[in-house]
Amino acid sequence: MKKRTKKPTRRNVKSIIVMDNLVVHAYASNPYQIFCELFEAEVNAFSTDRSLLLEVVEIDEQYYFFEDFRKVGLITNETEISIRRVGLSKAEIERRAWSCLMNVLIDVDPINPRIFEAIKRSMPAQVQQALFNKPLTIQHILDIKGLKRHHYDYQTNLYRNQQPTKIPSFSELIAEVRYVDNN
């Protein structure tokens, strides 16, 4: 039987400018999308005084990030960052991306039920198994945070009672005006 060998991991650090094609890795795109859409306040709440260091996968002179979403949110085109190129499996990249997102969720108080449900629906079963040794549940997150179930139930009731305001379409407004004019 052939012995499997892994390509040696490069551990040297390189400084790049963001315009050198810093892109989200395909296996980290779902967690990153959830982060960008649902954790917008998290980017603004995070700041750093030191230079940014990201671990990336390099493919064809493009750099693919898969974690540290908060740091990536701070990067502008003028920002110079340091990268550490690593060689990871696709499963490890996916696991680390979801782990990064779960760490952000755990740091947020109170837990937003809408965000939790979005993560639970999107996270693949094999990643849930790898991270938690079982399917993801709100009770597991509450145990990590040291909270009782009523804290989450209260937030769920708050979100359930918030009714979005329906904005009428232009044609509905015209029909309403015509109705008022006729009466």
C-alpha atoms as a PDB file:
ATOM      1  CA  MET A   1       0.000   0.000   0.000  1.00  0.00           C
ATOM      2  CA  LYS A   2       1.303   3.412  -0.939  1.00  0.00           C
ATOM      3  CA  LYS A   3       2.192   5.766   1.847  1.00  0.00           C
ATOM      4  CA  ARG A   4       0.334   9.056   1.720  1.00  0.00           C
ATOM      5  CA  THR A   5       2.469  12.108   1.962  1.00  0.00           C
ATOM      6  CA  LYS A   6       1.280  15.627   2.449  1.00  0.00           C
ATOM      7  CA  LYS A   7       2.734  18.585   0.696  1.00  0.00           C
ATOM      8  CA  PRO A   8       4.850  20.482   3.222  1.00  0.00           C
ATOM      9  CA  THR A   9       3.098  23.492   4.723  1.00  0.00           C
ATOM     10  CA  ARG A  10       4.748  26.823   4.158  1.00  0.00           C
ATOM     11  CA  ARG A  11       5.031  28.674   7.434  1.00  0.00           C
ATOM     12  CA  ASN A  12       6.721  31.852   6.265  1.00  0.00           C
ATOM     13  CA  VAL A  13       4.811  35.113   6.602  1.00  0.00           C
ATOM     14  CA  LYS A  14       4.439  37.481   3.663  1.00  0.00           C
ATOM     15  CA  SER A  15       3.057  41.006   3.573  1.00  0.00           C
ATOM     16  CA  ILE A  16       0.651  41.813   0.772  1.00  0.00           C
ATOM     17  CA  ILE A  17      -1.631  44.608  -0.294  1.00  0.00           C
ATOM     18  CA  VAL A  18      -5.298  43.669  -0.493  1.00  0.00           C
ATOM     19  CA  MET A  19      -5.437  44.349  -4.207  1.00  0.00           C
ATOM     20  CA  ASP A  20      -3.321  41.185  -4.616  1.00  0.00           C
ATOM     21  CA  ASN A  21      -6.583  39.192  -4.822  1.00  0.00           C
ATOM     22  CA  LEU A  22      -7.594  38.360  -1.274  1.00  0.00           C
ATOM     23  CA  VAL A  23     -10.725  36.245  -1.786  1.00  0.00           C
ATOM     24  CA  VAL A  24     -12.984  34.173   0.436  1.00  0.00           C
ATOM     25  CA  HIS A  25     -12.341  30.444  -0.020  1.00  0.00           C
ATOM     26  CA  ALA A  26     -15.206  28.570  -1.691  1.00  0.00           C
ATOM     27  CA  TYR A  27     -15.587  26.270   1.330  1.00  0.00           C
ATOM     28  CA  ALA A  28     -15.859  29.289   3.644  1.00  0.00           C
ATOM     29  CA  SER A  29     -18.298  31.290   1.531  1.00  0.00           C
ATOM     30  CA  ASN A  30     -21.498  30.256   3.386  1.00  0.00           C
ATOM     31  CA  PRO A  31     -20.198  31.139   6.870  1.00  0.00           C
ATOM     32  CA  TYR A  32     -18.698  34.364   5.535  1.00  0.00           C
ATOM     33  CA  GLN A  33     -21.970  35.312   3.846  1.00  0.00           C
ATOM     34  CA  ILE A  34     -23.895  34.725   7.090  1.00  0.00           C
ATOM     35  CA  PHE A  35     -21.333  36.812   8.946  1.00  0.00           C
ATOM     36  CA  CYS A  36     -21.605  39.696   6.478  1.00  0.00           C
ATOM     37  CA  GLU A  37     -25.401  39.654   6.359  1.00  0.00           C
ATOM     38  CA  LEU A  38     -26.229  39.063  10.011  1.00  0.00           C
ATOM     39  CA  PHE A  39     -23.284  40.310  12.075  1.00  0.00           C
ATOM     40  CA  GLU A  40     -22.739  43.776  10.595  1.00  0.00           C
ATOM     41  CA  ALA A  41     -22.306  45.384  14.035  1.00  0.00           C
ATOM     42  CA  GLU A  42     -19.519  42.921  14.856  1.00  0.00           C
ATOM     43  CA  VAL A  43     -17.171  44.446  12.289  1.00  0.00           C
ATOM     44  CA  ASN A  44     -17.636  47.916  13.743  1.00  0.00           C
ATOM     45  CA  ALA A  45     -17.149  46.718  17.324  1.00  0.00           C
ATOM     46  CA  PHE A  46     -13.779  45.115  16.604  1.00  0.00           C
ATOM     47  CA  SER A  47     -10.592  47.113  16.282  1.00  0.00           C
ATOM     48  CA  THR A  48      -6.930  46.307  16.383  1.00  0.00           C
ATOM     49  CA  ASP A  49      -3.800  48.339  16.941  1.00  0.00           C
ATOM     50  CA  ARG A  50      -1.420  45.798  15.472  1.00  0.00           C
ATOM     51  CA  SER A  51      -0.992  44.646  11.930  1.00  0.00           C
ATOM     52  CA  LEU A  52      -3.386  42.057  10.604  1.00  0.00           C
ATOM     53  CA  LEU A  53      -2.196  38.471  10.180  1.00  0.00           C
ATOM     54  CA  LEU A  54      -4.364  36.033   8.248  1.00  0.00           C
ATOM     55  CA  GLU A  55      -3.900  32.393   7.400  1.00  0.00           C
ATOM     56  CA  VAL A  56      -4.654  31.827   3.741  1.00  0.00           C
ATOM     57  CA  VAL A  57      -4.540  29.145   1.101  1.00  0.00           C
ATOM     58  CA  GLU A  58      -2.619  30.208  -1.987  1.00  0.00           C
ATOM     59  CA  ILE A  59      -3.858  28.998  -5.375  1.00  0.00           C
ATOM     60  CA  ASP A  60      -2.465  30.457  -8.588  1.00  0.00           C
ATOM     61  CA  GLU A  61      -1.114  33.542  -6.832  1.00  0.00           C
ATOM     62  CA  GLN A  62      -4.499  34.328  -5.280  1.00  0.00           C
ATOM     63  CA  TYR A  63      -4.947  34.256  -1.524  1.00  0.00           C
ATOM     64  CA  TYR A  64      -8.074  32.601  -0.115  1.00  0.00           C
ATOM     65  CA  PHE A  65      -9.059  33.368   3.482  1.00  0.00           C
ATOM     66  CA  PHE A  66     -11.362  31.106   5.469  1.00  0.00           C
ATOM     67  CA  GLU A  67     -11.539  32.540   8.994  1.00  0.00           C
ATOM     68  CA  ASP A  68     -10.987  35.756  10.983  1.00  0.00           C
ATOM     69  CA  PHE A  69     -14.013  37.364   9.364  1.00  0.00           C
ATOM     70  CA  ARG A  70     -13.858  40.311  11.774  1.00  0.00           C
ATOM     71  CA  LYS A  71     -10.335  41.148  10.658  1.00  0.00           C
ATOM     72  CA  VAL A  72     -11.259  40.853   7.007  1.00  0.00           C
ATOM     73  CA  GLY A  73     -14.067  43.359   7.610  1.00  0.00           C
ATOM     74  CA  LEU A  74     -11.479  45.949   8.669  1.00  0.00           C
ATOM     75  CA  ILE A  75      -9.386  45.614   5.540  1.00  0.00           C
ATOM     76  CA  THR A  76      -9.441  48.375   2.939  1.00  0.00           C
ATOM     77  CA  ASN A  77      -7.571  48.575  -0.363  1.00  0.00           C
ATOM     78  CA  GLU A  78      -4.766  50.535   1.317  1.00  0.00           C
ATOM     79  CA  THR A  79      -4.342  48.063   4.170  1.00  0.00           C
ATOM     80  CA  GLU A  80      -1.181  46.019   4.153  1.00  0.00           C
ATOM     81  CA  ILE A  81      -1.679  42.664   5.780  1.00  0.00           C
ATOM     82  CA  SER A  82       0.562  39.789   6.651  1.00  0.00           C
ATOM     83  CA  ILE A  83      -0.421  36.338   5.529  1.00  0.00           C
ATOM     84  CA  ARG A  84       0.664  32.861   6.496  1.00  0.00           C
ATOM     85  CA  ARG A  85       0.157  30.377   3.687  1.00  0.00           C
ATOM     86  CA  VAL A  86      -1.104  27.026   4.903  1.00  0.00           C
ATOM     87  CA  GLY A  87      -1.979  23.788   3.212  1.00  0.00           C
ATOM     88  CA  LEU A  88      -5.238  22.467   4.634  1.00  0.00           C
ATOM     89  CA  SER A  89      -7.780  19.957   3.422  1.00  0.00           C
ATOM     90  CA  LYS A  90     -11.124  21.190   2.162  1.00  0.00           C
ATOM     91  CA  ALA A  91     -12.841  19.627   5.169  1.00  0.00           C
ATOM     92  CA  GLU A  92     -10.484  21.438   7.567  1.00  0.00           C
ATOM     93  CA  ILE A  93     -11.066  24.767   5.801  1.00  0.00           C
ATOM     94  CA  GLU A  94     -14.823  24.290   6.040  1.00  0.00           C
ATOM     95  CA  ARG A  95     -14.632  23.255   9.695  1.00  0.00           C
ATOM     96  CA  ARG A  96     -12.466  26.246  10.640  1.00  0.00           C
ATOM     97  CA  ALA A  97     -14.751  28.674   8.799  1.00  0.00           C
ATOM     98  CA  TRP A  98     -17.832  27.423  10.641  1.00  0.00           C
ATOM     99  CA  SER A  99     -15.901  27.390  13.915  1.00  0.00           C
ATOM    100  CA  CYS A 100     -15.001  31.046  13.377  1.00  0.00           C
ATOM    101  CA  LEU A 101     -18.672  31.883  12.813  1.00  0.00           C
ATOM    102  CA  MET A 102     -19.722  29.925  15.910  1.00  0.00           C
ATOM    103  CA  ASN A 103     -17.176  31.853  18.014  1.00  0.00           C
ATOM    104  CA  VAL A 104     -18.729  35.114  16.836  1.00  0.00           C
ATOM    105  CA  LEU A 105     -22.205  33.813  17.710  1.00  0.00           C
ATOM    106  CA  ILE A 106     -21.051  32.801  21.186  1.00  0.00           C
ATOM    107  CA  ASP A 107     -19.527  36.258  21.760  1.00  0.00           C
ATOM    108  CA  VAL A 108     -22.791  38.061  20.945  1.00  0.00           C
ATOM    109  CA  ASP A 109     -25.190  38.916  23.780  1.00  0.00           C
ATOM    110  CA  PRO A 110     -28.057  38.237  23.628  1.00  0.00           C
ATOM    111  CA  ILE A 111     -28.274  35.351  21.199  1.00  0.00           C
ATOM    112  CA  ASN A 112     -30.314  36.362  18.181  1.00  0.00           C
ATOM    113  CA  PRO A 113     -32.669  33.456  17.335  1.00  0.00           C
ATOM    114  CA  ARG A 114     -32.764  34.470  13.666  1.00  0.00           C
ATOM    115  CA  ILE A 115     -28.969  34.234  13.426  1.00  0.00           C
ATOM    116  CA  PHE A 116     -28.867  30.912  15.254  1.00  0.00           C
ATOM    117  CA  GLU A 117     -31.490  29.415  12.929  1.00  0.00           C
ATOM    118  CA  ALA A 118     -29.623  30.677   9.845  1.00  0.00           C
ATOM    119  CA  ILE A 119     -26.420  29.033  11.062  1.00  0.00           C
ATOM    120  CA  LYS A 120     -28.151  25.788  12.015  1.00  0.00           C
ATOM    121  CA  ARG A 121     -29.898  25.535   8.607  1.00  0.00           C
ATOM    122  CA  SER A 122     -26.720  26.263   6.644  1.00  0.00           C
ATOM    123  CA  MET A 123     -24.119  24.278   8.587  1.00  0.00           C
ATOM    124  CA  PRO A 124     -23.502  20.852   7.034  1.00  0.00           C
ATOM    125  CA  ALA A 125     -24.202  17.837   9.251  1.00  0.00           C
ATOM    126  CA  GLN A 126     -20.606  16.578   9.047  1.00  0.00           C
ATOM    127  CA  VAL A 127     -19.331  19.962  10.294  1.00  0.00           C
ATOM    128  CA  GLN A 128     -21.803  19.916  13.186  1.00  0.00           C
ATOM    129  CA  GLN A 129     -20.549  16.456  14.067  1.00  0.00           C
ATOM    130  CA  ALA A 130     -16.908  17.572  13.850  1.00  0.00           C
ATOM    131  CA  LEU A 131     -17.447  20.673  15.986  1.00  0.00           C
ATOM    132  CA  PHE A 132     -19.914  19.399  18.589  1.00  0.00           C
ATOM    133  CA  ASN A 133     -19.866  15.572  18.307  1.00  0.00           C
ATOM    134  CA  LYS A 134     -23.631  15.813  17.741  1.00  0.00           C
ATOM    135  CA  PRO A 135     -26.126  17.943  15.819  1.00  0.00           C
ATOM    136  CA  LEU A 136     -26.095  21.641  16.712  1.00  0.00           C
ATOM    137  CA  THR A 137     -28.723  22.651  19.276  1.00  0.00           C
ATOM    138  CA  ILE A 138     -29.453  25.898  21.044  1.00  0.00           C
ATOM    139  CA  GLN A 139     -29.020  24.100  24.356  1.00  0.00           C
ATOM    140  CA  HIS A 140     -25.392  23.355  23.486  1.00  0.00           C
ATOM    141  CA  ILE A 141     -24.762  27.058  22.773  1.00  0.00           C
ATOM    142  CA  LEU A 142     -26.533  28.058  25.982  1.00  0.00           C
ATOM    143  CA  ASP A 143     -24.393  25.591  27.936  1.00  0.00           C
ATOM    144  CA  ILE A 144     -21.216  27.100  26.445  1.00  0.00           C
ATOM    145  CA  LYS A 145     -22.382  30.594  27.392  1.00  0.00           C
ATOM    146  CA  GLY A 146     -23.553  29.460  30.838  1.00  0.00           C
ATOM    147  CA  LEU A 147     -27.141  30.620  30.254  1.00  0.00           C
ATOM    148  CA  LYS A 148     -30.511  29.096  31.096  1.00  0.00           C
ATOM    149  CA  ARG A 149     -33.052  28.274  28.393  1.00  0.00           C
ATOM    150  CA  HIS A 150     -35.405  31.123  29.384  1.00  0.00           C
ATOM    151  CA  HIS A 151     -32.851  33.678  28.092  1.00  0.00           C
ATOM    152  CA  TYR A 152     -33.160  32.280  24.576  1.00  0.00           C
ATOM    153  CA  ASP A 153     -36.928  31.797  24.826  1.00  0.00           C
ATOM    154  CA  TYR A 154     -37.306  35.465  25.794  1.00  0.00           C
ATOM    155  CA  GLN A 155     -35.326  36.553  22.715  1.00  0.00           C
ATOM    156  CA  THR A 156     -37.385  34.207  20.538  1.00  0.00           C
ATOM    157  CA  ASN A 157     -40.615  35.775  21.809  1.00  0.00           C
ATOM    158  CA  LEU A 158     -39.262  39.274  21.152  1.00  0.00           C
ATOM    159  CA  TYR A 159     -38.434  38.419  17.535  1.00  0.00           C
ATOM    160  CA  ARG A 160     -41.698  36.565  17.018  1.00  0.00           C
ATOM    161  CA  ASN A 161     -43.738  39.555  18.223  1.00  0.00           C
ATOM    162  CA  GLN A 162     -41.987  41.990  15.902  1.00  0.00           C
ATOM    163  CA  GLN A 163     -44.241  42.297  12.857  1.00  0.00           C
ATOM    164  CA  PRO A 164     -42.536  43.781   9.813  1.00  0.00           C
ATOM    165  CA  THR A 165     -44.319  46.769   8.336  1.00  0.00           C
ATOM    166  CA  LYS A 166     -45.571  46.048   4.839  1.00  0.00           C
ATOM    167  CA  ILE A 167     -44.858  48.881   2.439  1.00  0.00           C
ATOM    168  CA  PRO A 168     -47.648  49.169  -0.127  1.00  0.00           C
ATOM    169  CA  SER A 169     -46.747  48.960  -3.778  1.00  0.00           C
ATOM    170  CA  PHE A 170     -47.130  51.957  -6.064  1.00  0.00           C
ATOM    171  CA  SER A 171     -50.230  50.490  -7.703  1.00  0.00           C
ATOM    172  CA  GLU A 172     -51.833  49.906  -4.281  1.00  0.00           C
ATOM    173  CA  LEU A 173     -51.205  53.540  -3.362  1.00  0.00           C
ATOM    174  CA  ILE A 174     -52.795  54.748  -6.606  1.00  0.00           C
ATOM    175  CA  ALA A 175     -55.828  52.490  -6.045  1.00  0.00           C
ATOM    176  CA  GLU A 176     -56.184  53.850  -2.523  1.00  0.00           C
ATOM    177  CA  VAL A 177     -56.049  57.456  -3.746  1.00  0.00           C
ATOM    178  CA  ARG A 178     -58.652  56.700  -6.433  1.00  0.00           C
ATOM    179  CA  TYR A 179     -60.877  55.056  -3.859  1.00  0.00           C
ATOM    180  CA  VAL A 180     -60.620  58.104  -1.548  1.00  0.00           C
ATOM    181  CA  ASP A 181     -61.352  60.482  -4.470  1.00  0.00           C
ATOM    182  CA  ASN A 182     -64.467  58.511  -5.483  1.00  0.00           C
ATOM    183  CA  ASN A 183     -65.925  58.581  -1.972  1.00  0.00           C
END
